[in-house]
């Protein structure tokens, strides 16, 4: 979300992109129409976001066995502090590209699918972007889901793990933890940020007994160095609540989005990994007794 502190008092401000409206579609997408807010409206909107009553949503999907067990309502929030070179959803990076949505609307949609979610042992997955960019909103969603008896998961890089309170952790059943590199310099190259917060968050999840699925994106020439993978595998093997590791082969399906957004894409010449490379990396994790997909 953008709310410049330098904006003159009384000047109209574009906050997010669209008004708060109910959605009736299976998939909600980000808006493009501007909404000028008065200073009073802006202040009220900010207060709602700080309290978690309002968030910025990019989209949502009803999916099966992708973002956690069973059938899941996966909500993709807008906003991310990382700038991953291989990001296939760069339209989720800026919070202003999302649409404002009230917590009650998301929970109402979750309740609509309650029967199928419970029958399939599925639940709610909060993804992004980076969900922990909006911790108060996420906290309310998690609490609401748990009050319905629904399994909960968040898909996160862990970089903003310090924003996840102990109360939030109590409401999380599963974390899809994206460990993008084991070497700090490579991590910096991939994301533009530091590795340490992710490592600390993973250890904190173990302390709380939270199940972890680790995700590692394999990019030839970027993250595939054998020593880098060894560092990731060494770290993951210390997380006793990890139940699976997903090695995700790089693809170019997001390339056109970068161009359409006017963003520089640095991996234009990168190729997907060969089956042999994917198997080598999976073996590096399996060698530590980890379940790998």
Protein backbone atom coordinates (compact mmCIF):
# COMPACT_ATOMS: atom_id res chain seq x y z
CA UNK A 1 0.00 0.00 0.00
CA UNK A 2 1.26 3.48 -0.80
CA UNK A 3 0.45 6.35 1.49
CA UNK A 4 3.15 8.99 0.95
CA UNK A 5 3.98 11.00 4.03
CA UNK A 6 4.97 13.93 1.82
CA UNK A 7 1.50 14.42 0.33
CA UNK A 8 0.12 17.87 1.25
CA UNK A 9 -2.74 17.84 3.71
CA UNK A 10 -6.06 18.00 1.90
CA UNK A 11 -4.70 16.76 -1.42
CA UNK A 12 -6.57 13.84 -3.03
CA UNK A 13 -4.74 10.55 -2.62
CA UNK A 14 -5.04 7.38 -4.66
CA UNK A 15 -5.01 4.64 -2.05
CA UNK A 16 -4.92 1.15 -3.52
CA UNK A 17 -6.81 1.06 -6.81
CA UNK A 18 -10.49 0.32 -6.48
CA UNK A 19 -13.33 0.83 -4.00
CA UNK A 20 -14.27 -1.88 -1.53
CA UNK A 21 -16.96 -3.93 -3.22
CA UNK A 22 -18.28 -7.42 -2.76
CA UNK A 23 -17.22 -10.04 -5.27
CA UNK A 24 -19.31 -12.84 -6.75
CA UNK A 25 -16.70 -14.40 -9.04
CA UNK A 26 -14.70 -17.54 -8.34
CA UNK A 27 -11.51 -15.56 -8.92
CA UNK A 28 -11.14 -11.93 -7.94
CA UNK A 29 -8.51 -9.94 -9.80
CA UNK A 30 -6.79 -6.66 -9.16
CA UNK A 31 -8.49 -3.49 -10.28
CA UNK A 32 -7.27 -0.79 -12.61
CA UNK A 33 -9.60 2.12 -11.92
CA UNK A 34 -8.28 4.87 -9.63
CA UNK A 35 -10.16 5.98 -6.55
CA UNK A 36 -9.39 9.40 -5.12
CA UNK A 37 -9.81 9.59 -1.38
CA UNK A 38 -10.13 12.60 0.83
CA UNK A 39 -7.76 12.96 3.76
CA UNK A 40 -10.50 11.77 6.14
CA UNK A 41 -11.29 8.74 3.97
CA UNK A 42 -7.60 7.97 3.65
CA UNK A 43 -7.18 8.11 7.42
CA UNK A 44 -10.15 5.79 7.91
CA UNK A 45 -8.83 3.35 5.30
CA UNK A 46 -5.40 3.27 6.94
CA UNK A 47 -6.99 2.65 10.33
CA UNK A 48 -8.95 -0.28 8.89
CA UNK A 49 -5.79 -1.77 7.41
CA UNK A 50 -3.84 -1.36 10.64
CA UNK A 51 -6.63 -3.11 12.55
CA UNK A 52 -6.85 -5.88 9.98
CA UNK A 53 -10.43 -5.13 8.97
CA UNK A 54 -9.25 -4.33 5.45
CA UNK A 55 -6.60 -5.86 3.23
CA UNK A 56 -5.29 -5.71 -0.33
CA UNK A 57 -6.24 -8.77 -2.37
CA UNK A 58 -4.76 -9.73 -5.72
CA UNK A 59 -6.86 -12.83 -6.43
CA UNK A 60 -8.24 -16.05 -5.04
CA UNK A 61 -8.65 -19.59 -6.30
CA UNK A 62 -10.30 -22.81 -5.22
CA UNK A 63 -7.61 -25.44 -5.78
CA UNK A 64 -6.89 -29.04 -4.82
CA UNK A 65 -3.63 -30.49 -3.47
CA UNK A 66 -1.48 -27.54 -4.53
CA UNK A 67 -1.10 -25.11 -1.64
CA UNK A 68 -1.62 -27.60 1.16
CA UNK A 69 -3.71 -30.73 1.76
CA UNK A 70 -7.22 -31.19 0.40
CA UNK A 71 -9.28 -28.62 -1.44
CA UNK A 72 -8.26 -25.10 -0.46
CA UNK A 73 -9.36 -21.54 -0.87
CA UNK A 74 -6.05 -19.85 -1.68
CA UNK A 75 -6.03 -16.09 -1.29
CA UNK A 76 -3.23 -14.18 -3.00
CA UNK A 77 -2.53 -10.91 -1.20
CA UNK A 78 -0.74 -7.96 -2.76
CA UNK A 79 2.58 -6.57 -1.58
CA UNK A 80 6.02 -8.15 -1.26
CA UNK A 81 9.36 -6.86 0.10
CA UNK A 82 11.38 -9.20 -2.12
CA UNK A 83 12.25 -8.68 -5.76
CA UNK A 84 12.82 -12.25 -6.87
CA UNK A 85 14.34 -12.40 -10.33
CA UNK A 86 12.18 -15.38 -11.26
CA UNK A 87 8.89 -14.10 -9.80
CA UNK A 88 6.05 -15.37 -12.00
CA UNK A 89 3.50 -13.00 -10.46
CA UNK A 90 5.25 -9.60 -10.48
CA UNK A 91 1.80 -7.98 -10.48
CA UNK A 92 1.55 -8.96 -6.79
CA UNK A 93 4.67 -7.03 -5.74
CA UNK A 94 3.04 -3.63 -5.26
CA UNK A 95 0.19 -3.54 -2.77
CA UNK A 96 -1.56 -0.78 -4.69
CA UNK A 97 -2.20 -3.21 -7.55
CA UNK A 98 -4.56 -5.19 -5.38
CA UNK A 99 -8.15 -4.38 -4.54
CA UNK A 100 -9.27 -3.42 -1.05
CA UNK A 101 -11.27 -6.19 0.56
CA UNK A 102 -12.83 -6.49 4.00
CA UNK A 103 -11.98 -9.43 6.23
CA UNK A 104 -15.66 -10.30 6.52
CA UNK A 105 -15.91 -10.76 2.75
CA UNK A 106 -13.05 -13.26 2.66
CA UNK A 107 -14.45 -15.16 5.64
CA UNK A 108 -17.92 -15.20 4.06
CA UNK A 109 -16.45 -16.80 0.95
CA UNK A 110 -14.57 -19.28 3.10
CA UNK A 111 -17.81 -20.17 4.88
CA UNK A 112 -19.50 -20.71 1.49
CA UNK A 113 -17.06 -23.52 0.75
CA UNK A 114 -17.01 -24.87 4.31
CA UNK A 115 -18.61 -28.19 3.42
CA UNK A 116 -16.14 -29.14 0.69
CA UNK A 117 -13.14 -27.86 2.65
CA UNK A 118 -14.01 -29.98 5.68
CA UNK A 119 -14.98 -33.03 3.60
CA UNK A 120 -11.62 -33.02 1.78
CA UNK A 121 -9.57 -32.11 4.87
CA UNK A 122 -8.63 -28.92 3.08
CA UNK A 123 -8.72 -25.34 4.29
CA UNK A 124 -7.47 -21.80 3.80
CA UNK A 125 -4.06 -20.91 2.36
CA UNK A 126 -2.91 -17.30 2.49
CA UNK A 127 -0.33 -16.58 -0.18
CA UNK A 128 0.94 -13.59 -2.12
CA UNK A 129 2.86 -11.56 -2.81
CA UNK A 130 3.94 -11.90 0.78
CA UNK A 131 1.09 -12.36 3.29
CA UNK A 132 3.15 -11.05 6.21
CA UNK A 133 3.17 -7.62 4.55
CA UNK A 134 -0.37 -7.44 5.98
CA UNK A 135 -0.04 -9.15 9.37
CA UNK A 136 -3.13 -7.69 11.03
CA UNK A 137 -5.33 -8.70 8.10
CA UNK A 138 -3.79 -12.17 8.00
CA UNK A 139 -4.24 -12.55 11.76
CA UNK A 140 -7.97 -11.90 11.44
CA UNK A 141 -8.32 -14.33 8.55
CA UNK A 142 -6.47 -17.05 10.45
CA UNK A 143 -8.56 -16.54 13.58
CA UNK A 144 -11.79 -16.58 11.59
CA UNK A 145 -10.78 -19.77 9.80
CA UNK A 146 -9.86 -21.53 13.03
CA UNK A 147 -13.19 -20.53 14.55
CA UNK A 148 -14.81 -22.44 11.65
CA UNK A 149 -12.59 -25.45 12.38
CA UNK A 150 -10.66 -25.04 9.14
CA UNK A 151 -7.04 -26.06 8.48
CA UNK A 152 -4.85 -22.99 7.85
CA UNK A 153 -1.64 -22.41 5.93
CA UNK A 154 0.46 -19.45 4.88
CA UNK A 155 2.84 -19.37 1.91
CA UNK A 156 5.74 -17.11 2.85
CA UNK A 157 9.40 -16.36 2.22
CA UNK A 158 9.83 -15.93 5.97
CA UNK A 159 11.64 -12.64 5.42
CA UNK A 160 8.98 -10.81 7.45
CA UNK A 161 8.68 -13.58 10.01
CA UNK A 162 9.18 -11.11 12.85
CA UNK A 163 5.77 -9.64 11.94
CA UNK A 164 4.10 -12.98 12.68
CA UNK A 165 3.06 -12.91 16.32
CA UNK A 166 2.90 -15.93 18.61
CA UNK A 167 -0.89 -15.59 18.56
CA UNK A 168 -0.81 -15.89 14.76
CA UNK A 169 1.43 -18.94 14.98
CA UNK A 170 -1.13 -20.54 17.28
CA UNK A 171 -3.65 -20.25 14.43
CA UNK A 172 -1.36 -21.69 11.72
CA UNK A 173 -1.33 -25.42 10.95
CA UNK A 174 1.09 -25.40 8.03
CA UNK A 175 3.70 -23.05 6.58
CA UNK A 176 4.81 -23.30 2.97
CA UNK A 177 8.28 -21.87 3.48
CA UNK A 178 10.11 -20.63 0.40
CA UNK A 179 13.82 -21.12 1.02
CA UNK A 180 15.19 -19.46 -2.07
CA UNK A 181 18.89 -20.03 -1.44
CA UNK A 182 21.28 -21.33 1.19
CA UNK A 183 24.15 -19.00 0.35
CA UNK A 184 23.57 -15.43 1.60
CA UNK A 185 25.14 -13.85 -1.47
CA UNK A 186 23.03 -15.93 -3.83
CA UNK A 187 19.93 -15.11 -1.79
CA UNK A 188 20.75 -11.42 -2.10
CA UNK A 189 21.19 -11.81 -5.84
CA UNK A 190 17.87 -13.67 -6.18
CA UNK A 191 15.72 -11.49 -3.90
CA UNK A 192 17.53 -8.24 -3.15
CA UNK A 193 17.23 -9.01 0.58
CA UNK A 194 19.03 -10.86 3.38
CA UNK A 195 18.75 -14.59 4.07
CA UNK A 196 18.98 -14.52 7.88
CA UNK A 197 15.31 -13.61 8.63
CA UNK A 198 14.08 -16.65 6.68
CA UNK A 199 16.39 -18.98 8.57
CA UNK A 200 15.28 -17.51 11.90
CA UNK A 201 11.60 -17.85 11.03
CA UNK A 202 12.03 -21.50 10.08
CA UNK A 203 13.61 -22.24 13.45
CA UNK A 204 10.79 -20.39 15.19
CA UNK A 205 8.21 -22.53 13.41
CA UNK A 206 9.93 -25.65 14.72
CA UNK A 207 9.84 -24.25 18.26
CA UNK A 208 6.06 -23.88 17.89
CA UNK A 209 5.68 -27.39 16.44
CA UNK A 210 4.23 -26.11 13.14
CA UNK A 211 4.37 -28.39 10.10
CA UNK A 212 6.53 -27.03 7.25
CA UNK A 213 6.58 -27.72 3.53
CA UNK A 214 9.79 -26.28 2.10
CA UNK A 215 9.76 -24.92 -1.44
CA UNK A 216 12.94 -24.40 -3.45
CA UNK A 217 12.89 -22.91 -6.95
CA UNK A 218 15.57 -24.42 -9.15
CA UNK A 219 16.95 -21.93 -11.67
CA UNK A 220 19.88 -23.02 -13.85
CA UNK A 221 22.76 -20.60 -13.51
CA UNK A 222 21.22 -18.92 -10.46
CA UNK A 223 20.21 -21.31 -7.66
CA UNK A 224 21.44 -24.65 -9.02
CA UNK A 225 25.03 -24.51 -7.75
CA UNK A 226 25.66 -27.76 -5.91
CA UNK A 227 27.18 -26.00 -2.90
CA UNK A 228 24.19 -23.64 -2.68
CA UNK A 229 21.75 -26.56 -2.71
CA UNK A 230 23.84 -28.34 -0.07
CA UNK A 231 23.45 -25.32 2.20
CA UNK A 232 19.68 -25.32 1.71
CA UNK A 233 19.50 -29.05 2.37
CA UNK A 234 21.72 -28.76 5.47
CA UNK A 235 19.42 -26.08 6.88
CA UNK A 236 16.18 -27.88 6.03
CA UNK A 237 17.47 -31.09 7.65
CA UNK A 238 17.66 -29.23 10.98
CA UNK A 239 13.97 -28.30 10.84
CA UNK A 240 12.35 -31.28 12.51
CA UNK A 241 8.79 -30.35 11.52
CA UNK A 242 9.48 -30.39 7.77
CA UNK A 243 7.25 -33.06 6.22
CA UNK A 244 8.11 -32.48 2.56
CA UNK A 245 10.41 -30.57 0.23
CA UNK A 246 9.17 -29.37 -3.16
CA UNK A 247 11.83 -28.72 -5.79
CA UNK A 248 10.12 -26.40 -8.25
CA UNK A 249 11.70 -26.22 -11.72
CA UNK A 250 12.02 -22.69 -13.10
CA UNK A 251 9.72 -21.74 -15.98
CA UNK A 252 9.17 -18.69 -18.17
CA UNK A 253 5.39 -18.40 -17.78
CA UNK A 254 5.66 -15.06 -16.00
CA UNK A 255 7.95 -13.35 -18.50
CA UNK A 256 5.16 -11.53 -20.35
CA UNK A 257 3.85 -10.05 -17.10
CA UNK A 258 7.16 -8.31 -16.47
CA UNK A 259 7.04 -6.76 -19.93
CA UNK A 260 3.42 -5.66 -19.57
CA UNK A 261 4.26 -3.96 -16.26
CA UNK A 262 7.24 -2.16 -17.77
CA UNK A 263 9.62 -4.00 -15.42
CA UNK A 264 13.11 -5.20 -16.36
CA UNK A 265 13.29 -8.99 -16.53
CA UNK A 266 16.79 -10.35 -16.01
CA UNK A 267 16.16 -14.02 -16.75
CA UNK A 268 15.01 -13.68 -20.33
CA UNK A 269 17.66 -16.12 -21.56
CA UNK A 270 17.28 -18.63 -18.72
CA UNK A 271 16.04 -22.12 -19.50
CA UNK A 272 14.09 -24.62 -17.40
CA UNK A 273 16.32 -27.19 -15.68
CA UNK A 274 16.87 -30.52 -17.35
CA UNK A 275 15.32 -33.64 -15.78
CA UNK A 276 18.84 -34.72 -14.82
CA UNK A 277 19.47 -31.47 -12.93
CA UNK A 278 16.13 -31.68 -11.15
CA UNK A 279 16.88 -35.24 -10.08
CA UNK A 280 20.37 -34.28 -8.84
CA UNK A 281 18.91 -31.55 -6.64
CA UNK A 282 16.13 -33.78 -5.34
CA UNK A 283 18.74 -36.39 -4.47
CA UNK A 284 20.66 -33.81 -2.44
CA UNK A 285 17.60 -33.38 -0.24
CA UNK A 286 16.73 -37.09 -0.16
CA UNK A 287 20.27 -37.87 1.01
CA UNK A 288 19.30 -36.20 4.30
CA UNK A 289 16.25 -38.38 4.76
CA UNK A 290 13.79 -35.75 3.53
CA UNK A 291 10.61 -36.51 1.59
CA UNK A 292 11.01 -34.78 -1.75
CA UNK A 293 8.64 -33.93 -4.60
